[in-house]
Amino acid sequence: MKGFRIVLMVAVLLTFGLQFSHAQDEEQDEGSSLENGPIDSQFEFVYEKSGNYRADGKRYEVVRTISLDQLRQNVLDTLSGFNTRAAELKATIAGHESTITSLEKKLEDTTNSLAVVTEEKDNMSFLGIAVSKGTYNAILWTVIAGLLILLLFFIYRFRNSNILTQEAKTNLSELETEYEDHRRRALEREQKISRELQDEINKYKKQK
């Protein structure tokens, strides 16, 4: 009888130990599953581990409070993480928008500077007036052509004047030569007339 009691006590202890060990394993599995994995899988795990019963023709799920609290904390932690990540993303987006705005401003300034440089390159100052490069080139070549025409005109006038001067010198030389010949012939005629007059005077004196 005593041996039967001992065997019964051992069987009861073994059964309780197995149940306790199984409960601990379930708690460890449950805690592990609630600590890892996405929220969807955690809900699925709690649903699988929950019991159920019917009352008044309705089905109810019985969930352990510790599992529900853990799941609730996990959801809150996840939402907090999402909110933190969303705030970080908003800050990043704001930083990027600020950078984009700054780059757009720099691009606008660069475009305006390029337009000014291009305009200055295409335009040139002529007598203090800004004119286009094409107009400036046209005016420049017109002035050069005008000066060249004036130069050719003065060269032509100089050559004509030189020719006229040479002709005038030639004519003057010829006129001087002719004048000298005429003066010489006139002097000779005068001397001849003087001699003839003297001869006549001498003849008249002899006749007296």
Protein backbone atom coordinates (compact mmCIF):
# COMPACT_ATOMS: atom_id res chain seq x y z
CA MET A 1 0.00 0.00 0.00
CA LYS A 2 2.84 2.31 0.89
CA GLY A 3 4.60 1.52 -2.38
CA PHE A 4 1.47 2.33 -4.33
CA ARG A 5 1.29 5.76 -2.72
CA ILE A 6 4.92 6.45 -3.58
CA VAL A 7 4.32 5.44 -7.19
CA LEU A 8 1.21 7.61 -7.31
CA MET A 9 3.09 10.61 -5.91
CA VAL A 10 5.91 10.15 -8.41
CA ALA A 11 3.39 9.94 -11.28
CA VAL A 12 1.66 13.12 -10.04
CA LEU A 13 4.99 14.95 -9.76
CA LEU A 14 6.07 13.84 -13.22
CA THR A 15 2.76 14.93 -14.72
CA PHE A 16 2.95 18.33 -13.01
CA GLY A 17 6.58 18.71 -14.08
CA LEU A 18 5.76 17.91 -17.67
CA GLN A 19 2.85 20.31 -17.68
CA PHE A 20 4.98 23.03 -16.07
CA SER A 21 7.77 22.43 -18.56
CA HIS A 22 5.32 22.49 -21.45
CA ALA A 23 3.80 25.73 -20.13
CA GLN A 24 7.27 27.29 -19.82
CA ASP A 25 8.12 26.20 -23.37
CA GLU A 26 4.90 27.72 -24.64
CA GLU A 27 5.62 30.93 -22.75
CA GLN A 28 9.16 31.01 -24.19
CA ASP A 29 7.84 30.30 -27.70
CA GLU A 30 5.13 32.87 -27.25
CA GLY A 31 7.54 35.48 -25.89
CA SER A 32 9.97 34.72 -28.71
CA SER A 33 7.26 35.00 -31.35
CA LEU A 34 5.95 38.24 -29.89
CA GLU A 35 9.42 39.73 -29.76
CA ASN A 36 10.39 38.89 -33.33
CA GLY A 37 8.78 39.22 -36.71
CA PRO A 38 6.38 41.79 -38.18
CA ILE A 39 3.21 42.90 -36.42
CA ASP A 40 1.03 40.89 -38.79
CA SER A 41 2.78 37.64 -37.84
CA GLN A 42 2.53 38.56 -34.14
CA PHE A 43 -1.25 39.02 -34.47
CA GLU A 44 -1.42 35.70 -36.27
CA PHE A 45 0.58 34.06 -33.48
CA VAL A 46 -1.71 35.47 -30.75
CA TYR A 47 -4.73 34.33 -32.72
CA GLU A 48 -3.31 30.83 -33.03
CA LYS A 49 -2.46 30.64 -29.32
CA SER A 50 -5.83 31.98 -28.17
CA GLY A 51 -8.61 29.74 -26.99
CA ASN A 52 -12.20 29.99 -28.08
CA TYR A 53 -15.65 29.23 -26.83
CA ARG A 54 -19.21 29.83 -27.84
CA ALA A 55 -21.89 31.58 -25.87
CA ASP A 56 -25.31 32.58 -27.03
CA GLY A 57 -24.47 31.30 -30.49
CA LYS A 58 -21.40 33.62 -30.77
CA ARG A 59 -17.77 32.63 -30.99
CA TYR A 60 -15.26 34.28 -28.64
CA GLU A 61 -11.47 34.18 -28.62
CA VAL A 62 -9.70 34.05 -25.28
CA VAL A 63 -6.29 35.77 -25.34
CA ARG A 64 -3.80 35.79 -22.50
CA THR A 65 -3.44 39.20 -20.92
CA ILE A 66 0.38 39.06 -20.97
CA SER A 67 0.33 38.28 -24.70
CA LEU A 68 -2.13 41.07 -25.37
CA ASP A 69 -0.04 43.53 -23.33
CA GLN A 70 3.11 42.45 -25.16
CA LEU A 71 1.38 42.76 -28.52
CA ARG A 72 0.01 46.17 -27.56
CA GLN A 73 3.50 47.34 -26.51
CA ASN A 74 4.97 45.99 -29.73
CA VAL A 75 2.34 47.86 -31.76
CA LEU A 76 3.05 51.07 -29.82
CA ASP A 77 6.80 50.61 -30.26
CA THR A 78 6.31 49.99 -33.97
CA LEU A 79 4.10 53.07 -34.31
CA SER A 80 6.65 55.10 -32.34
CA GLY A 81 9.36 53.83 -34.67
CA PHE A 82 7.24 54.72 -37.67
CA ASN A 83 6.59 58.19 -36.26
CA THR A 84 10.30 58.69 -35.58
CA ARG A 85 11.17 57.47 -39.06
CA ALA A 86 8.46 59.71 -40.54
CA ALA A 87 9.88 62.71 -38.64
CA GLU A 88 13.37 61.85 -39.89
CA LEU A 89 12.07 61.52 -43.44
CA LYS A 90 10.23 64.83 -43.14
CA ALA A 91 13.43 66.48 -41.88
CA THR A 92 15.37 64.90 -44.75
CA ILE A 93 12.75 66.02 -47.27
CA ALA A 94 12.80 69.54 -45.82
CA GLY A 95 16.60 69.55 -46.08
CA HIS A 96 16.43 68.33 -49.66
CA GLU A 97 13.78 70.94 -50.50
CA SER A 98 16.00 73.64 -48.97
CA THR A 99 18.96 72.34 -50.97
CA ILE A 100 16.87 72.23 -54.16
CA THR A 101 15.65 75.80 -53.52
CA SER A 102 19.24 76.94 -52.98
CA LEU A 103 20.40 75.15 -56.14
CA GLU A 104 17.51 76.64 -58.13
CA LYS A 105 18.50 80.11 -56.86
CA LYS A 106 22.14 79.48 -57.81
CA LEU A 107 21.02 78.16 -61.20
CA GLU A 108 18.90 81.26 -61.76
CA ASP A 109 21.80 83.53 -60.74
CA THR A 110 24.17 81.58 -63.00
CA THR A 111 21.69 81.78 -65.89
CA ASN A 112 21.32 85.53 -65.41
CA SER A 113 25.11 85.98 -65.22
CA LEU A 114 25.51 83.89 -68.36
CA ALA A 115 22.89 85.98 -70.14
CA VAL A 116 24.70 89.19 -69.12
CA VAL A 117 28.07 87.81 -70.26
CA THR A 118 26.56 86.61 -73.53
CA GLU A 119 24.94 90.01 -74.09
CA GLU A 120 28.21 91.78 -73.30
CA LYS A 121 30.02 89.41 -75.64
CA ASP A 122 27.52 89.93 -78.44
CA ASN A 123 27.33 93.70 -77.88
CA MET A 124 30.18 96.20 -78.16
CA SER A 125 30.49 99.85 -77.20
CA PHE A 126 30.74 102.34 -80.03
CA LEU A 127 31.09 105.99 -79.00
CA GLY A 128 29.59 105.08 -75.63
CA ILE A 129 26.58 103.38 -77.24
CA ALA A 130 26.03 99.62 -76.87
CA VAL A 131 25.52 98.06 -80.28
CA SER A 132 25.38 94.49 -81.46
CA LYS A 133 28.52 92.81 -82.70
CA GLY A 134 27.17 92.62 -86.25
CA THR A 135 26.29 96.33 -86.24
CA TYR A 136 29.68 97.19 -84.76
CA ASN A 137 31.47 95.18 -87.45
CA ALA A 138 29.34 96.85 -90.14
CA ILE A 139 30.16 100.33 -88.79
CA LEU A 140 33.85 99.45 -88.43
CA TRP A 141 34.17 98.14 -91.99
CA THR A 142 32.17 101.11 -93.30
CA VAL A 143 34.60 103.49 -91.59
CA ILE A 144 37.58 101.53 -92.91
CA ALA A 145 36.12 101.52 -96.43
CA GLY A 146 35.45 105.28 -96.18
CA LEU A 147 39.00 105.98 -95.05
CA LEU A 148 40.37 103.77 -97.82
CA ILE A 149 38.26 105.63 -100.40
CA LEU A 150 39.52 108.96 -99.02
CA LEU A 151 43.09 107.69 -99.16
CA LEU A 152 42.70 106.60 -102.77
CA PHE A 153 41.07 109.95 -103.56
CA PHE A 154 43.94 111.91 -102.01
CA ILE A 155 46.48 109.71 -103.79
CA TYR A 156 44.66 110.38 -107.04
CA ARG A 157 44.57 114.11 -106.33
CA PHE A 158 48.22 114.08 -105.37
CA ARG A 159 49.20 112.30 -108.56
CA ASN A 160 47.11 114.71 -110.63
CA SER A 161 48.60 117.66 -108.77
CA ASN A 162 52.08 116.26 -109.29
CA ILE A 163 51.41 115.80 -112.99
CA LEU A 164 50.04 119.35 -113.24
CA THR A 165 53.03 120.64 -111.31
CA GLN A 166 55.41 118.88 -113.63
CA GLU A 167 53.53 120.22 -116.64
CA ALA A 168 53.59 123.70 -115.13
CA LYS A 169 57.32 123.43 -114.53
CA THR A 170 57.83 122.19 -118.07
CA ASN A 171 55.70 125.00 -119.46
CA LEU A 172 57.53 127.54 -117.32
CA SER A 173 60.87 126.23 -118.50
CA GLU A 174 59.73 126.40 -122.08
CA LEU A 175 58.32 129.88 -121.48
CA GLU A 176 61.57 131.04 -119.92
CA THR A 177 63.52 129.60 -122.87
CA GLU A 178 61.18 131.30 -125.30
CA TYR A 179 61.43 134.56 -123.33
CA GLU A 180 65.20 134.43 -123.39
CA ASP A 181 65.15 133.81 -127.14
CA HIS A 182 62.71 136.67 -127.62
CA ARG A 183 64.79 139.01 -125.41
CA ARG A 184 67.95 138.02 -127.20
CA ARG A 185 66.35 138.63 -130.59
CA ALA A 186 64.90 141.94 -129.40
CA LEU A 187 68.30 142.99 -128.10
CA GLU A 188 69.88 142.05 -131.38
CA ARG A 189 67.23 144.05 -133.27
CA GLU A 190 67.76 146.99 -130.96
CA GLN A 191 71.50 146.84 -131.43
CA LYS A 192 71.04 146.57 -135.18
CA ILE A 193 68.65 149.53 -135.21
CA SER A 194 71.09 151.50 -133.05
CA ARG A 195 73.92 150.79 -135.43
CA GLU A 196 71.80 151.70 -138.42
CA LEU A 197 70.75 154.90 -136.68
CA GLN A 198 74.33 155.73 -135.88
CA ASP A 199 75.34 155.04 -139.45
CA GLU A 200 72.62 157.39 -140.68
CA ILE A 201 73.74 160.03 -138.22
CA ASN A 202 77.29 159.63 -139.39
CA LYS A 203 76.23 159.91 -143.01
CA TYR A 204 74.24 163.02 -142.26
CA LYS A 205 77.21 164.60 -140.56
CA LYS A 206 79.46 163.82 -143.49
CA GLN A 207 77.05 165.37 -145.90
CA LYS A 208 77.25 168.68 -144.08
